[in-house]
Amino acid sequence: MYKAKAYSAASATAPLASDIITRRDLSEHDVQIEILFCGICHSDLHSVRNEWSNMMPTVYPIVAGHEMVGRVTQVGSGVTKYKKGDLAGVGCMVESDGTCLYCKDGFEQFCPNLTLTYNSPDKYLEGVTYGGYSDSIVVNERFVLRVPSNLELAGVAPLLCAGITTYSPLRHWGVTKGKKVGVVGLGGLGHMGVKFAHAFGAQVVVFTTSPDKTEDALRLGVDEVVISRHAEEMQKHAGSFDFILDTVSANHDINAYLNLLRLDGNITLVGAPSNPLQVSAFSLIMGRHSLSGSNIGGIAETQEMLDFCGENNITADVEVIPIQKVNEAYKRLLKSDVKYRFCIDMASLKSE
């Protein structure tokens, strides 16, 4: 074992603060990575504040962060995919059993024995796993991703969560040129959904409650912006969408969007409202519509997404901060005061 610098929270009400954590030494198939940048996901805030206590109660101290890019510093004797000096990324998961049907099919994210990057039982050390708000991490090479060298690393980090969370359902539901695609919400997830749908060649429409986001939405590549509070604007698009990606975590009327689908159209949820959505049966029945959900993607699909981003020069729009401002960033995140993702420059941790 070795010691690593990190930022952790000691309780649901405690601020994130400098800490020293324990990482495991390399085994045969492990890769050690110096973390250069780590994105801040809204899931980090939920976990640090124990807001998902009914599903995933937080074990303290918690070191959050599952959107990290860095440079390989050491590899185990059996590692074949990476060498010292390589750029590498780690996302939302760091281990799975590798034997279940999901793993064999490349869907490690659904493995019943999945180990999440943080706040998950640690199979190697006592306690739970610690995430990317740290100077380094040790991960099995199966869960390490190759990062395109032509992309800005700070903008790559959020691709490991926000990127794959939006890429996967767009690919699954066959978004291509000629399809009409809606994206509900223009935040950390929504702006990535727009970038991918546009790059796939689709006609892209953003739904937002904020008229002041129109200019930025057009900059990101949308063809039209609809203010969802305006009934006449919504009605104009009734029955016309092949696919809608719903990124909103606040409570909202899902039926208003189901009614915009064409025959056999689908809405996929990637946002997670705290209260159950009220779905009208007729909103589904009358157009053979479907409502589904998606979380992230498997390792192979995540690598596919990163390669696609490298080929098409796609990164997240980020505001880079030192780790000493992480508590301020959390407060701003609650106010949606960021365009569109915070990313921590982990070099700032060296001064702690």
Foldseek 3Di string as FASTA:
>chain_A
DDKWWFWWAFALPGDTDIDIDDADDAAQQKWKWFWFKFWDDVVQNCQSNQVVVVPQGADPRAADTFQTKGFTCDGHNNYDPDDGGFIKTAGFFFDAPCPDPCNVVQFRVPGPRTATQISGQDPPDGDHHYHDRIRMHMGGPQRMAGFQPVADRLQRRLCRFLVQQQVVVCVVLPQAAPFEEEEEDDAQNRLNNQLVSVVRNHAYEYEDCDPVCFVVSVVSPHPYYANVVDLVSLVVQFQPHQEYEYEDQAADAVLSVLRNHHAAHEYEYAHHHPDDHDDDPCSCPVRVYYYYYTGGGGPVVSNVSSVVCSVVVDGADEDEDAPVCVSVVSVCVVVCNTRHIYMYRSVNSVVD
